[in-house]
């Protein structure tokens, strides 16, 4: 069925009357020529998780055709210094036409693309995080016959000059409105620009965290996306971070996706919701209005791989300042319904039979509708330090493992809880549960134990896992929580060092 593009904010979609998945080189060239585009930018994500840029001036149609047909070469040793060396470093960057968007901040009209990496033989770069995600998604489908989807909840702090008018209590910013929250207009403009770049946004709002420090106000915000193909979900999150930072710079504001800024204040997570669909796009997590065995099998995979998934989703020492009790961040490996104290939460999914809208709006007729598409499963420990492509690849591998492991449903049952595990009366329950790693060092150990799951089906290769373990161990943070209790300045130094992580 042809995708409805009527309300898209992407200028290319509106002009070409096509969904991005249908874009061709001819479409791109037509848009450039008929909309006075002067430049093309290639964007690609490097080993540090951030977008890099290569710009082209369009001086002829032939040159544009050459760029789009062949891509360009770049120095891989500066993009992936961990595993590409200067002696043989050339890579190709090839544009993915479906990611085309008009650069929202360029004064010169510019069309931008996200790119993939290829080696000298014209093969996908084996250790490119983006290609690893593609392999992970394929392996999930090969094993299960279903398709893995995801979306992210992107949390971040906006930092600007403090004001005395319309203040709100510390740590009471959840869903606050202006004038009590100061950066609502900024968030709205971020969302608008992300949507114009192709991002499928669900909503945005202010989050719990707000405080003042040294004459600055820190306000936590969140932008949440819609569930989509896992590779597309990763592209959207990467672009969103890039857009938020660029717009903040124009506003004279600062933005951080850092997991934790200071003690006693809400940290910023990157909660990932997942869903499994069949070839027609129907959600496979729900049967007769209830979470089914397919969902519980995927959850079992998340439970089994939880500790090792932090190697992709919690990648610097400040991650483990956030993963502490009583901060709405998980510490124990368990799951539950509508429970924000657990690692995997099954949120409200509109599986009830009541038409609430019709009940409240008498002019509407009650309709029978299948709302099960909305049901997801939320993985709550990742944060803004994550390599987004590797994190989603890891989750796809973990879900796949649920379908490969023995006794998955029994394991899911054993790790289910229906109480707030942070309450004192549930201490014995907490002691019976496995715990998430407390440092990058511990995370590396967990990845080493479970590496076979991620290396299966050729998704991650041995070299890549070795490099991740080596990087995590290099922090030498195995006693980090004790160190910051003795010397709080250590935390401040680390927060400053990893302030712009990811």
Protein backbone atom coordinates (compact mmCIF):
# COMPACT_ATOMS: atom_id res chain seq x y z
CA UNK A 1 0.00 0.00 0.00
CA UNK A 2 1.37 3.42 -0.97
CA UNK A 3 2.33 5.55 2.02
CA UNK A 4 0.20 8.67 2.61
CA UNK A 5 2.52 11.68 2.41
CA UNK A 6 -0.10 14.45 2.68
CA UNK A 7 0.92 15.84 6.09
CA UNK A 8 4.67 15.25 5.92
CA UNK A 9 6.84 18.18 6.95
CA UNK A 10 9.75 16.98 4.81
CA UNK A 11 9.97 19.40 1.83
CA UNK A 12 11.20 16.61 -0.47
CA UNK A 13 8.22 14.41 0.35
CA UNK A 14 5.82 17.27 -0.34
CA UNK A 15 7.52 18.24 -3.58
CA UNK A 16 8.09 14.76 -5.02
CA UNK A 17 4.82 13.29 -3.67
CA UNK A 18 6.74 10.19 -2.60
CA UNK A 19 7.72 8.61 0.68
CA UNK A 20 11.47 8.76 1.42
CA UNK A 21 11.80 5.01 0.80
CA UNK A 22 10.82 5.68 -2.82
CA UNK A 23 13.40 8.43 -3.49
CA UNK A 24 15.68 7.79 -6.49
CA UNK A 25 18.73 9.61 -7.77
CA UNK A 26 16.60 11.15 -10.50
CA UNK A 27 14.19 12.46 -7.83
CA UNK A 28 17.05 14.01 -5.89
CA UNK A 29 18.51 15.70 -8.96
CA UNK A 30 15.10 17.02 -9.95
CA UNK A 31 14.57 18.53 -6.50
CA UNK A 32 18.03 20.13 -6.52
CA UNK A 33 17.58 21.70 -9.94
CA UNK A 34 14.03 22.94 -9.42
CA UNK A 35 14.58 24.30 -5.89
CA UNK A 36 17.81 26.21 -6.40
CA UNK A 37 19.91 23.96 -4.13
CA UNK A 38 23.54 25.12 -4.23
CA UNK A 39 25.32 22.55 -2.06
CA UNK A 40 25.15 18.90 -1.00
CA UNK A 41 26.32 17.64 2.39
CA UNK A 42 27.22 14.08 3.27
CA UNK A 43 26.79 13.24 6.96
CA UNK A 44 28.09 10.07 8.61
CA UNK A 45 28.49 8.89 12.17
CA UNK A 46 32.03 8.31 13.42
CA UNK A 47 33.41 6.16 16.21
CA UNK A 48 32.64 8.87 18.77
CA UNK A 49 28.92 8.59 17.93
CA UNK A 50 28.70 12.09 16.47
CA UNK A 51 27.82 13.21 12.95
CA UNK A 52 30.65 14.32 10.64
CA UNK A 53 30.12 16.43 7.51
CA UNK A 54 31.56 16.62 3.99
CA UNK A 55 30.30 19.50 1.84
CA UNK A 56 30.10 19.81 -1.98
CA UNK A 57 29.46 22.90 -4.11
CA UNK A 58 27.25 22.04 -7.09
CA UNK A 59 28.94 23.72 -10.05
CA UNK A 60 27.46 21.44 -12.73
CA UNK A 61 24.82 18.78 -13.28
CA UNK A 62 27.53 16.31 -14.22
CA UNK A 63 29.34 16.88 -10.92
CA UNK A 64 26.10 16.37 -8.95
CA UNK A 65 25.49 13.13 -10.86
CA UNK A 66 29.03 11.99 -10.05
CA UNK A 67 28.62 12.70 -6.32
CA UNK A 68 25.32 10.87 -6.09
CA UNK A 69 26.46 7.95 -8.25
CA UNK A 70 29.84 7.28 -6.66
CA UNK A 71 29.92 8.82 -3.19
CA UNK A 72 33.31 10.07 -1.98
CA UNK A 73 36.37 8.77 -0.15
CA UNK A 74 37.32 9.73 3.41
CA UNK A 75 40.09 8.97 5.88
CA UNK A 76 38.83 6.06 7.96
CA UNK A 77 41.69 6.24 10.45
CA UNK A 78 40.37 9.56 11.75
CA UNK A 79 36.76 8.37 11.72
CA UNK A 80 37.31 4.98 13.39
CA UNK A 81 40.74 5.26 15.05
CA UNK A 82 40.03 2.22 17.22
CA UNK A 83 40.14 -0.24 14.33
CA UNK A 84 41.28 1.53 11.13
CA UNK A 85 44.95 2.43 10.80
CA UNK A 86 46.65 5.09 8.70
CA UNK A 87 48.48 2.53 6.55
CA UNK A 88 45.23 1.44 4.87
CA UNK A 89 42.59 3.94 5.83
CA UNK A 90 40.56 4.99 2.79
CA UNK A 91 36.80 4.41 2.96
CA UNK A 92 33.92 5.30 0.67
CA UNK A 93 30.92 7.20 2.03
CA UNK A 94 27.78 6.46 -0.01
CA UNK A 95 24.58 8.53 0.37
CA UNK A 96 21.33 6.81 1.30
CA UNK A 97 18.75 8.64 -0.82
CA UNK A 98 15.91 7.82 1.57
CA UNK A 99 17.57 10.03 4.22
CA UNK A 100 17.64 13.20 2.07
CA UNK A 101 16.61 16.40 3.85
CA UNK A 102 17.04 20.13 3.44
CA UNK A 103 19.73 21.35 5.83
CA UNK A 104 17.77 23.39 8.40
CA UNK A 105 20.61 25.69 9.45
CA UNK A 106 22.60 26.35 6.27
CA UNK A 107 22.43 29.92 4.95
CA UNK A 108 23.26 28.55 1.50
CA UNK A 109 20.46 26.20 0.26
CA UNK A 110 21.86 22.75 1.00
CA UNK A 111 20.58 19.20 0.64
CA UNK A 112 21.91 16.68 3.15
CA UNK A 113 22.15 12.89 3.30
CA UNK A 114 23.15 10.29 5.83
CA UNK A 115 25.78 7.95 4.41
CA UNK A 116 27.01 4.39 4.83
CA UNK A 117 30.65 3.26 4.79
CA UNK A 118 32.16 0.89 2.20
CA UNK A 119 35.68 -0.55 1.96
CA UNK A 120 38.14 -0.60 -0.93
CA UNK A 121 36.46 -3.66 -2.43
CA UNK A 122 33.07 -1.97 -2.51
CA UNK A 123 31.75 -4.01 0.40
CA UNK A 124 30.00 -2.60 3.50
CA UNK A 125 32.51 -1.76 6.24
CA UNK A 126 32.17 -4.74 8.55
CA UNK A 127 32.68 -2.80 11.79
CA UNK A 128 30.63 0.26 10.89
CA UNK A 129 27.97 0.61 13.62
CA UNK A 130 25.33 1.41 11.02
CA UNK A 131 26.12 -1.80 9.10
CA UNK A 132 26.20 -3.83 12.32
CA UNK A 133 22.64 -2.65 12.98
CA UNK A 134 21.57 -3.71 9.49
CA UNK A 135 23.07 -7.17 10.11
CA UNK A 136 21.37 -7.41 13.51
CA UNK A 137 17.97 -6.55 12.04
CA UNK A 138 18.45 -9.13 9.29
CA UNK A 139 19.52 -11.83 11.76
CA UNK A 140 16.39 -11.21 13.84
CA UNK A 141 14.21 -11.67 10.77
CA UNK A 142 16.17 -14.72 9.59
CA UNK A 143 15.65 -16.46 12.93
CA UNK A 144 12.07 -15.41 13.72
CA UNK A 145 10.45 -14.54 10.40
CA UNK A 146 9.38 -11.24 11.99
CA UNK A 147 10.71 -7.68 11.87
CA UNK A 148 12.30 -5.70 14.70
CA UNK A 149 11.17 -2.12 15.28
CA UNK A 150 12.16 0.54 17.78
CA UNK A 151 11.88 4.13 18.90
CA UNK A 152 13.70 6.29 21.42
CA UNK A 153 12.83 8.71 24.21
CA UNK A 154 15.54 11.34 23.89
CA UNK A 155 16.15 13.15 27.19
CA UNK A 156 18.46 16.14 27.53
CA UNK A 157 19.08 19.23 29.65
CA UNK A 158 18.80 22.75 28.21
CA UNK A 159 20.96 25.28 30.04
CA UNK A 160 20.48 29.07 29.99
CA UNK A 161 20.53 32.11 32.21
CA UNK A 162 18.41 31.74 35.35
CA UNK A 163 15.30 33.89 35.83
CA UNK A 164 13.41 34.90 38.97
CA UNK A 165 9.92 34.98 37.45
CA UNK A 166 7.60 31.96 37.45
CA UNK A 167 9.97 29.57 39.15
CA UNK A 168 9.01 26.00 40.00
CA UNK A 169 10.19 23.69 42.79
CA UNK A 170 13.37 21.73 42.23
CA UNK A 171 12.79 18.39 40.44
CA UNK A 172 9.14 19.16 39.69
CA UNK A 173 9.36 19.94 35.98
CA UNK A 174 7.41 16.98 34.60
CA UNK A 175 5.13 18.15 31.74
CA UNK A 176 5.32 21.73 33.02
CA UNK A 177 4.16 24.52 30.69
CA UNK A 178 5.43 28.02 30.01
CA UNK A 179 5.98 30.45 31.62
CA UNK A 180 7.08 28.06 34.38
CA UNK A 181 9.29 26.19 31.96
CA UNK A 182 11.61 28.49 30.01
CA UNK A 183 12.53 26.49 26.91
CA UNK A 184 9.20 25.30 25.53
CA UNK A 185 9.56 27.38 22.34
CA UNK A 186 13.07 26.06 21.81
CA UNK A 187 11.86 22.47 22.14
CA UNK A 188 9.01 23.11 19.71
CA UNK A 189 11.43 24.49 17.13
CA UNK A 190 13.69 21.46 17.63
CA UNK A 191 10.74 19.15 16.99
CA UNK A 192 9.72 21.11 13.89
CA UNK A 193 13.20 20.89 12.39
CA UNK A 194 13.55 17.20 13.23
CA UNK A 195 10.23 16.53 11.50
CA UNK A 196 11.34 18.50 8.43
CA UNK A 197 14.42 16.26 8.31
CA UNK A 198 12.18 13.17 8.26
CA UNK A 199 11.94 12.39 11.97
CA UNK A 200 8.70 10.70 13.05
CA UNK A 201 7.98 12.47 16.33
CA UNK A 202 5.35 11.30 18.77
CA UNK A 203 5.52 14.26 21.16
CA UNK A 204 7.76 16.46 23.28
CA UNK A 205 7.52 17.72 26.86
CA UNK A 206 9.47 19.02 29.81
CA UNK A 207 10.83 16.34 32.13
CA UNK A 208 11.28 16.00 35.88
CA UNK A 209 14.72 17.56 36.14
CA UNK A 210 15.07 21.27 36.82
CA UNK A 211 17.47 23.16 39.05
CA UNK A 212 19.65 26.28 39.16
CA UNK A 213 23.42 26.23 39.55
CA UNK A 214 25.93 29.08 39.34
CA UNK A 215 23.41 31.48 37.84
CA UNK A 216 22.22 29.01 35.22
CA UNK A 217 18.92 27.20 34.95
CA UNK A 218 19.01 23.54 33.95
CA UNK A 219 15.75 22.26 32.48
CA UNK A 220 15.27 18.68 31.36
CA UNK A 221 13.31 18.00 28.17
CA UNK A 222 12.27 14.93 26.24
CA UNK A 223 11.39 14.28 22.61
CA UNK A 224 9.81 10.92 21.92
CA UNK A 225 9.57 9.27 18.52
CA UNK A 226 7.15 6.88 16.84
CA UNK A 227 7.99 3.21 16.46
CA UNK A 228 9.47 2.39 13.07
CA UNK A 229 12.00 0.12 11.36
CA UNK A 230 14.97 -0.21 13.72
CA UNK A 231 17.49 1.18 11.21
CA UNK A 232 15.29 4.19 10.51
CA UNK A 233 14.82 4.69 14.27
CA UNK A 234 18.59 4.94 14.72
CA UNK A 235 18.97 7.47 11.90
CA UNK A 236 16.25 9.65 13.44
CA UNK A 237 17.86 9.69 16.88
CA UNK A 238 21.29 10.54 15.48
CA UNK A 239 19.87 13.40 13.41
CA UNK A 240 17.76 14.65 16.32
CA UNK A 241 20.79 15.07 18.57
CA UNK A 242 22.60 16.94 15.80
CA UNK A 243 19.62 19.26 15.19
CA UNK A 244 19.06 19.98 18.90
CA UNK A 245 22.70 20.92 19.39
CA UNK A 246 22.83 23.12 16.29
CA UNK A 247 19.66 24.96 17.22
CA UNK A 248 20.84 25.43 20.82
CA UNK A 249 24.04 26.98 19.51
CA UNK A 250 21.98 29.45 17.43
CA UNK A 251 19.87 30.32 20.49
CA UNK A 252 22.95 30.85 22.66
CA UNK A 253 21.91 27.92 24.85
CA UNK A 254 23.84 24.86 25.95
CA UNK A 255 22.51 21.30 25.70
CA UNK A 256 23.78 18.09 27.21
CA UNK A 257 22.71 14.48 26.78
CA UNK A 258 25.02 13.51 29.65
CA UNK A 259 23.59 10.71 31.83
CA UNK A 260 24.12 12.61 35.07
CA UNK A 261 25.06 16.20 35.83
CA UNK A 262 25.08 16.26 39.62
CA UNK A 263 23.96 14.16 42.56
CA UNK A 264 20.34 14.27 43.70
CA UNK A 265 19.03 15.51 40.35
CA UNK A 266 17.29 13.52 37.64
CA UNK A 267 19.64 11.97 35.13
CA UNK A 268 18.92 11.78 31.40
CA UNK A 269 18.17 8.43 29.84
CA UNK A 270 17.62 7.15 26.33
CA UNK A 271 14.76 4.71 26.90
CA UNK A 272 14.24 2.46 23.90
CA UNK A 273 10.83 0.99 23.06
CA UNK A 274 10.73 -2.08 20.84
CA UNK A 275 8.04 -3.87 18.90
CA UNK A 276 7.99 -6.96 16.67
CA UNK A 277 5.78 -6.99 13.56
CA UNK A 278 4.90 -9.42 10.81
CA UNK A 279 5.39 -8.81 7.08
CA UNK A 280 2.18 -6.73 7.00
CA UNK A 281 3.33 -4.52 9.88
CA UNK A 282 0.96 -5.98 12.50
CA UNK A 283 2.20 -5.86 16.09
CA UNK A 284 3.07 -9.36 17.33
CA UNK A 285 3.39 -8.44 21.02
CA UNK A 286 -0.34 -8.63 21.79
CA UNK A 287 -2.99 -11.34 21.52
CA UNK A 288 -6.60 -10.75 22.61
CA UNK A 289 -5.64 -7.54 24.38
CA UNK A 290 -2.85 -9.09 26.44
CA UNK A 291 0.93 -9.30 26.23
CA UNK A 292 1.67 -12.63 24.58
CA UNK A 293 4.40 -15.25 24.48
CA UNK A 294 6.23 -13.51 21.61
CA UNK A 295 6.65 -10.37 23.72
CA UNK A 296 7.68 -12.39 26.77
CA UNK A 297 10.21 -14.34 24.71
CA UNK A 298 11.82 -11.08 23.53
CA UNK A 299 11.79 -9.81 27.12
CA UNK A 300 13.55 -12.99 28.24
CA UNK A 301 16.29 -12.14 25.75
CA UNK A 302 16.62 -8.65 27.22
CA UNK A 303 16.80 -10.11 30.73
CA UNK A 304 19.48 -12.63 29.72
CA UNK A 305 21.60 -9.99 27.97
CA UNK A 306 20.85 -7.02 30.24
CA UNK A 307 24.27 -6.60 31.81
CA UNK A 308 26.10 -6.86 28.50
CA UNK A 309 23.73 -4.40 26.77
CA UNK A 310 25.15 -1.66 28.99
CA UNK A 311 28.35 -1.98 26.95
CA UNK A 312 26.47 -0.34 24.06
CA UNK A 313 24.04 1.86 25.96
CA UNK A 314 26.01 3.12 29.00
CA UNK A 315 29.47 3.78 27.67
CA UNK A 316 31.30 6.16 30.02
CA UNK A 317 31.71 6.32 33.82
CA UNK A 318 29.03 8.99 34.29
CA UNK A 319 26.45 6.45 33.09
CA UNK A 320 26.82 4.66 36.40
CA UNK A 321 26.15 7.81 38.43
CA UNK A 322 22.61 7.62 36.98
CA UNK A 323 21.98 3.88 37.49
CA UNK A 324 21.34 4.14 41.22
CA UNK A 325 18.18 3.43 43.29
CA UNK A 326 15.36 5.96 43.80
CA UNK A 327 16.09 8.02 40.67
CA UNK A 328 13.61 6.35 38.26
CA UNK A 329 16.61 4.54 36.77
CA UNK A 330 16.92 0.74 36.90
CA UNK A 331 19.45 -1.18 38.95
CA UNK A 332 17.93 -4.68 39.15
CA UNK A 333 17.43 -6.99 36.18
CA UNK A 334 13.67 -7.52 36.13
CA UNK A 335 10.57 -6.44 34.26
CA UNK A 336 6.98 -5.49 35.01
CA UNK A 337 3.79 -3.78 33.88
CA UNK A 338 3.65 0.03 34.11
CA UNK A 339 6.50 -0.16 36.63
CA UNK A 340 9.16 2.56 36.42
CA UNK A 341 11.47 0.89 38.94
CA UNK A 342 12.27 -2.05 36.64
CA UNK A 343 14.70 -2.50 33.76
CA UNK A 344 12.05 -3.45 31.19
CA UNK A 345 8.66 -1.79 31.53
CA UNK A 346 5.49 -2.78 29.69
CA UNK A 347 3.74 0.59 29.36
CA UNK A 348 0.03 1.19 28.92
CA UNK A 349 -0.82 -0.02 25.44
CA UNK A 350 -4.45 0.92 24.78
CA UNK A 351 -5.44 -2.75 24.98
CA UNK A 352 -8.70 -1.97 26.79
CA UNK A 353 -12.01 -2.26 24.91
CA UNK A 354 -13.53 1.09 25.89
CA UNK A 355 -13.78 3.97 23.43
CA UNK A 356 -12.83 6.65 25.94
CA UNK A 357 -12.84 9.46 23.36
CA UNK A 358 -16.45 8.75 22.42
CA UNK A 359 -17.41 8.65 26.09
CA UNK A 360 -16.01 12.12 26.68
CA UNK A 361 -17.14 13.57 23.35
CA UNK A 362 -20.86 12.84 22.86
CA UNK A 363 -20.84 13.85 19.18
CA UNK A 364 -18.42 11.03 18.39
CA UNK A 365 -19.68 7.54 17.65
CA UNK A 366 -18.02 4.71 19.53
CA UNK A 367 -15.96 2.55 17.17
CA UNK A 368 -14.38 -0.83 17.55
CA UNK A 369 -10.70 -0.36 16.82
CA UNK A 370 -7.59 -2.49 17.14
CA UNK A 371 -5.28 -0.33 19.22
CA UNK A 372 -2.76 -3.11 19.84
CA UNK A 373 -0.31 -1.43 17.43
CA UNK A 374 0.55 0.97 20.25
CA UNK A 375 1.84 -1.73 22.63
CA UNK A 376 5.61 -1.66 23.08
CA UNK A 377 8.21 -2.92 25.54
CA UNK A 378 10.54 -0.30 27.04
CA UNK A 379 14.24 -0.90 27.87
CA UNK A 380 15.13 1.75 30.45
CA UNK A 381 18.84 1.69 31.25
CA UNK A 382 20.54 3.28 28.17
CA UNK A 383 21.52 6.95 28.15
CA UNK A 384 22.90 9.67 25.91
CA UNK A 385 26.41 8.18 25.91
CA UNK A 386 25.16 5.28 23.77
CA UNK A 387 26.37 4.57 20.29
CA UNK A 388 22.81 4.53 18.97
CA UNK A 389 23.45 2.08 16.12
CA UNK A 390 25.30 -0.39 18.36
CA UNK A 391 22.69 -0.07 21.12
CA UNK A 392 19.82 -0.92 18.79
CA UNK A 393 21.89 -3.68 17.20
CA UNK A 394 22.51 -5.10 20.67
CA UNK A 395 18.80 -5.00 21.50
CA UNK A 396 17.92 -6.77 18.24
CA UNK A 397 20.49 -9.47 19.06
CA UNK A 398 19.14 -9.82 22.60
CA UNK A 399 15.55 -10.15 21.37
CA UNK A 400 16.68 -12.72 18.80
CA UNK A 401 18.47 -14.62 21.58
CA UNK A 402 15.16 -14.88 23.42
CA UNK A 403 13.86 -16.99 20.54
CA UNK A 404 17.04 -19.09 20.47
CA UNK A 405 17.46 -19.77 24.19
CA UNK A 406 15.90 -22.68 26.04
CA UNK A 407 13.20 -21.99 28.63
CA UNK A 408 12.69 -18.37 27.59
CA UNK A 409 9.15 -18.14 28.96
CA UNK A 410 10.14 -19.65 32.30
CA UNK A 411 13.02 -17.19 32.54
CA UNK A 412 10.66 -14.31 31.78
CA UNK A 413 8.31 -15.50 34.52
CA UNK A 414 11.12 -15.69 37.08
CA UNK A 415 12.27 -12.12 36.38
CA UNK A 416 8.78 -10.55 36.50
CA UNK A 417 7.95 -8.26 39.45
CA UNK A 418 4.74 -6.41 40.27
CA UNK A 419 5.97 -4.07 43.04
CA UNK A 420 8.16 -0.99 43.36
CA UNK A 421 11.47 -2.68 44.05
CA UNK A 422 12.95 0.50 45.56
CA UNK A 423 10.61 0.41 48.55
CA UNK A 424 12.27 -0.79 51.79
CA UNK A 425 9.84 -3.68 52.31
CA UNK A 426 10.98 -5.19 48.99
CA UNK A 427 14.68 -5.38 49.91
CA UNK A 428 14.69 -9.19 49.99
CA UNK A 429 13.26 -9.27 46.47
CA UNK A 430 16.03 -6.96 45.27
CA UNK A 431 18.66 -9.20 46.83
CA UNK A 432 17.26 -12.15 44.88
CA UNK A 433 17.60 -10.37 41.53
CA UNK A 434 20.68 -10.01 39.37
CA UNK A 435 22.01 -6.43 39.27
CA UNK A 436 23.13 -4.23 36.41
CA UNK A 437 26.84 -3.41 36.21
CA UNK A 438 28.06 -0.62 38.49
CA UNK A 439 30.86 0.59 36.18
CA UNK A 440 32.23 0.44 32.67
CA UNK A 441 34.68 -2.16 33.96
CA UNK A 442 31.83 -4.43 35.09
CA UNK A 443 29.99 -3.78 31.83
CA UNK A 444 33.02 -4.97 29.87
CA UNK A 445 33.10 -8.16 31.92
CA UNK A 446 29.43 -8.80 31.16
CA UNK A 447 29.97 -8.26 27.44
CA UNK A 448 32.90 -10.69 27.50
CA UNK A 449 30.68 -13.33 29.10
CA UNK A 450 27.89 -12.93 26.55
CA UNK A 451 29.89 -12.06 23.45
CA UNK A 452 28.82 -15.24 21.64
CA UNK A 453 25.23 -13.94 21.52
CA UNK A 454 26.30 -10.77 19.72
CA UNK A 455 28.85 -12.50 17.49
CA UNK A 456 26.28 -15.11 16.37
CA UNK A 457 25.09 -14.84 12.76
CA UNK A 458 28.09 -12.60 11.99
CA UNK A 459 26.50 -9.46 13.48
CA UNK A 460 29.39 -8.24 15.65
CA UNK A 461 32.80 -9.62 14.76
CA UNK A 462 35.39 -10.60 17.34
CA UNK A 463 37.55 -7.54 16.69
CA UNK A 464 34.65 -5.18 17.37
CA UNK A 465 33.75 -6.82 20.68
CA UNK A 466 37.43 -6.78 21.69
CA UNK A 467 37.63 -3.05 20.91
CA UNK A 468 34.51 -2.27 22.95
CA UNK A 469 35.79 -4.28 25.93
CA UNK A 470 39.18 -2.55 25.68
CA UNK A 471 37.59 0.91 25.61
CA UNK A 472 35.36 0.21 28.60
CA UNK A 473 38.25 -1.24 30.61
CA UNK A 474 40.41 1.79 29.79
CA UNK A 475 38.36 3.94 32.20
CA UNK A 476 39.59 1.81 35.15
CA UNK A 477 36.41 2.79 36.99
CA UNK A 478 35.67 -0.47 38.81
CA UNK A 479 35.47 1.41 42.14
CA UNK A 480 33.98 4.64 40.80
CA UNK A 481 31.02 4.85 43.18
CA UNK A 482 33.25 4.54 46.24
CA UNK A 483 35.68 7.08 44.79
CA UNK A 484 33.05 9.79 44.32
CA UNK A 485 31.75 9.25 47.86
CA UNK A 486 35.25 9.94 49.19
CA UNK A 487 35.95 12.75 46.73
CA UNK A 488 32.89 14.41 45.11
CA UNK A 489 35.21 16.48 42.89
CA UNK A 490 35.89 13.31 40.88
CA UNK A 491 32.28 13.31 39.73
CA UNK A 492 32.44 16.97 38.72
CA UNK A 493 35.59 16.35 36.71
CA UNK A 494 34.03 13.39 34.90
CA UNK A 495 30.79 15.25 34.17
CA UNK A 496 32.82 18.05 32.59
CA UNK A 497 34.89 15.57 30.60
CA UNK A 498 31.89 13.73 29.14
CA UNK A 499 29.46 16.68 29.04
CA UNK A 500 29.05 16.41 25.25
CA UNK A 501 29.05 12.63 25.05
CA UNK A 502 27.41 10.94 22.08
